[in-house]
């Protein structure tokens, strides 16, 4: 499942869903580009990660 907003951004068009192969090729192209950096928040928006983990998420209850 890929969010509609993400797929529209990936394909540069709206109106009709892109094929999975086309989306996959675009993702591979984007993540392999050395001049294309994303912040953590941009990775969430792009759909590469579901959410960001904070230190509290990781170490809650650790003493």
N, C-alpha and C. Protein backbone atom coordinates (compact mmCIF):
# COMPACT_ATOMS: atom_id res chain seq x y z
N UNK A 1 0.84 -1.19 0.00
CA UNK A 1 0.00 0.00 0.00
C UNK A 1 0.88 1.24 0.00
N UNK A 2 0.63 2.13 -0.90
CA UNK A 2 1.35 3.40 -0.96
C UNK A 2 0.32 4.52 -0.93
N UNK A 3 0.58 5.52 -0.09
CA UNK A 3 -0.33 6.65 0.04
C UNK A 3 -0.51 7.36 -1.30
N UNK A 4 -1.73 7.76 -1.62
CA UNK A 4 -2.03 8.42 -2.90
C UNK A 4 -1.23 9.70 -3.08
N UNK A 5 -1.07 10.47 -2.02
CA UNK A 5 -0.30 11.71 -2.12
C UNK A 5 1.15 11.44 -2.45
N UNK A 6 1.69 10.36 -1.89
CA UNK A 6 3.07 9.99 -2.16
C UNK A 6 3.21 9.54 -3.60
N UNK A 7 2.29 8.70 -4.09
CA UNK A 7 2.40 8.22 -5.46
C UNK A 7 2.23 9.34 -6.47
N UNK A 8 1.36 10.29 -6.19
CA UNK A 8 1.19 11.41 -7.11
C UNK A 8 2.47 12.23 -7.16
N UNK A 9 3.12 12.39 -6.02
CA UNK A 9 4.38 13.12 -5.96
C UNK A 9 5.47 12.36 -6.71
N UNK A 10 5.48 11.04 -6.57
CA UNK A 10 6.50 10.22 -7.21
C UNK A 10 6.39 10.26 -8.73
N UNK A 11 5.18 10.19 -9.22
CA UNK A 11 5.00 10.09 -10.66
C UNK A 11 4.89 11.44 -11.34
N UNK A 12 4.70 12.49 -10.54
CA UNK A 12 4.57 13.81 -11.12
C UNK A 12 3.25 14.05 -11.81
N UNK A 13 2.28 13.23 -11.49
CA UNK A 13 0.97 13.39 -12.12
C UNK A 13 -0.09 12.90 -11.15
N UNK A 14 -1.26 13.36 -11.38
CA UNK A 14 -2.40 12.83 -10.63
C UNK A 14 -3.40 12.34 -11.65
N UNK A 15 -4.40 11.68 -11.22
CA UNK A 15 -5.38 11.14 -12.16
C UNK A 15 -4.98 9.75 -12.58
N UNK A 16 -5.44 8.79 -11.88
CA UNK A 16 -5.11 7.41 -12.19
C UNK A 16 -3.92 6.95 -11.39
N UNK A 17 -4.03 5.79 -10.80
CA UNK A 17 -2.93 5.30 -9.98
C UNK A 17 -1.75 4.84 -10.83
N UNK A 18 -0.54 5.08 -10.36
CA UNK A 18 0.63 4.60 -11.09
C UNK A 18 0.78 3.10 -10.89
N UNK A 19 1.52 2.45 -11.76
CA UNK A 19 1.77 1.03 -11.58
C UNK A 19 2.78 0.84 -10.46
N UNK A 20 2.74 -0.32 -9.81
CA UNK A 20 3.69 -0.60 -8.73
C UNK A 20 5.12 -0.56 -9.24
N UNK A 21 5.33 -1.07 -10.45
CA UNK A 21 6.68 -1.09 -11.01
C UNK A 21 7.21 0.33 -11.21
N UNK A 22 6.35 1.22 -11.66
CA UNK A 22 6.77 2.60 -11.89
C UNK A 22 7.11 3.29 -10.57
N UNK A 23 6.29 3.07 -9.56
CA UNK A 23 6.55 3.65 -8.25
C UNK A 23 7.86 3.09 -7.69
N UNK A 24 8.04 1.78 -7.80
CA UNK A 24 9.25 1.14 -7.28
C UNK A 24 10.49 1.69 -7.98
N UNK A 25 10.44 1.83 -9.29
CA UNK A 25 11.59 2.37 -10.03
C UNK A 25 11.92 3.78 -9.58
N UNK A 26 10.90 4.59 -9.34
CA UNK A 26 11.12 5.97 -8.91
C UNK A 26 11.73 6.01 -7.51
N UNK A 27 11.25 5.16 -6.62
CA UNK A 27 11.80 5.11 -5.26
C UNK A 27 13.27 4.70 -5.31
N UNK A 28 13.59 3.67 -6.07
CA UNK A 28 14.98 3.22 -6.19
C UNK A 28 15.84 4.32 -6.78
N UNK A 29 15.34 5.00 -7.78
CA UNK A 29 16.08 6.10 -8.39
C UNK A 29 16.34 7.21 -7.36
N UNK A 30 15.31 7.57 -6.59
CA UNK A 30 15.45 8.64 -5.61
C UNK A 30 16.42 8.30 -4.49
N UNK A 31 16.35 7.08 -3.96
CA UNK A 31 17.21 6.74 -2.82
C UNK A 31 18.64 6.46 -3.24
N UNK A 32 18.89 6.22 -4.51
CA UNK A 32 20.25 5.99 -4.99
C UNK A 32 20.96 7.25 -5.45
N UNK A 33 20.26 8.36 -5.49
CA UNK A 33 20.89 9.62 -5.92
C UNK A 33 21.68 10.21 -4.77
N UNK A 34 22.97 10.43 -4.99
CA UNK A 34 23.83 10.94 -3.91
C UNK A 34 23.60 12.41 -3.64
N UNK A 35 23.02 13.15 -4.56
CA UNK A 35 22.78 14.57 -4.34
C UNK A 35 21.39 14.84 -3.76
N UNK A 36 20.64 13.81 -3.48
CA UNK A 36 19.27 13.95 -2.99
C UNK A 36 19.20 13.49 -1.55
N UNK A 37 19.17 14.45 -0.63
CA UNK A 37 19.11 14.14 0.79
C UNK A 37 17.75 14.52 1.34
N UNK A 38 17.25 13.72 2.26
CA UNK A 38 15.98 14.00 2.90
C UNK A 38 16.17 14.10 4.40
N UNK A 39 15.43 14.99 5.01
CA UNK A 39 15.40 15.05 6.46
C UNK A 39 14.55 13.88 6.95
N UNK A 40 14.58 13.65 8.25
CA UNK A 40 13.76 12.58 8.81
C UNK A 40 12.28 12.81 8.52
N UNK A 41 11.86 14.06 8.65
CA UNK A 41 10.45 14.38 8.39
C UNK A 41 10.10 14.17 6.92
N UNK A 42 11.02 14.49 6.02
CA UNK A 42 10.78 14.27 4.59
C UNK A 42 10.68 12.78 4.28
N UNK A 43 11.43 11.95 4.99
CA UNK A 43 11.34 10.50 4.80
C UNK A 43 9.95 9.99 5.18
N UNK A 44 9.39 10.54 6.24
CA UNK A 44 8.03 10.17 6.63
C UNK A 44 7.05 10.61 5.55
N UNK A 45 7.17 11.86 5.10
CA UNK A 45 6.28 12.39 4.06
C UNK A 45 6.39 11.59 2.77
N UNK A 46 7.59 11.17 2.42
CA UNK A 46 7.84 10.42 1.20
C UNK A 46 7.26 9.01 1.29
N UNK A 47 7.24 8.48 2.53
CA UNK A 47 6.71 7.13 2.72
C UNK A 47 7.77 6.08 2.94
N UNK A 48 9.04 6.50 3.13
CA UNK A 48 10.11 5.54 3.37
C UNK A 48 10.03 4.95 4.77
N UNK A 49 9.56 5.73 5.72
CA UNK A 49 9.40 5.27 7.10
C UNK A 49 7.99 5.63 7.58
N UNK A 50 7.50 4.88 8.54
CA UNK A 50 6.15 5.13 9.06
C UNK A 50 6.12 6.27 10.07
N UNK A 51 7.12 6.30 10.94
CA UNK A 51 7.16 7.35 11.96
C UNK A 51 8.58 7.49 12.46
N UNK A 52 8.82 8.56 13.22
CA UNK A 52 10.12 8.80 13.80
C UNK A 52 10.11 8.37 15.26
N UNK A 53 11.19 7.75 15.70
CA UNK A 53 11.31 7.33 17.09
C UNK A 53 12.12 8.37 17.84
N UNK A 54 11.61 8.77 18.99
CA UNK A 54 12.33 9.71 19.83
C UNK A 54 13.15 8.94 20.85
N UNK A 55 14.02 9.64 21.57
CA UNK A 55 14.78 8.98 22.63
C UNK A 55 13.85 8.41 23.69
N UNK A 56 12.77 9.12 23.97
CA UNK A 56 11.79 8.61 24.93
C UNK A 56 11.18 7.29 24.45
N UNK A 57 10.90 7.19 23.16
CA UNK A 57 10.36 5.95 22.60
C UNK A 57 11.35 4.80 22.80
N UNK A 58 12.63 5.09 22.58
CA UNK A 58 13.65 4.05 22.63
C UNK A 58 14.04 3.65 24.05
N UNK A 59 14.08 4.62 24.95
CA UNK A 59 14.63 4.35 26.28
C UNK A 59 13.62 4.50 27.41
N UNK A 60 12.36 4.48 27.10
CA UNK A 60 11.33 4.60 28.13
C UNK A 60 11.45 3.45 29.12
N UNK A 61 11.59 3.79 30.37
CA UNK A 61 11.68 2.78 31.41
C UNK A 61 13.07 2.24 31.66
N UNK A 62 14.04 2.59 30.82
CA UNK A 62 15.42 2.13 31.03
C UNK A 62 16.09 2.98 32.09
N UNK A 63 16.64 2.35 33.11
CA UNK A 63 17.32 3.07 34.18
C UNK A 63 18.59 2.40 34.55
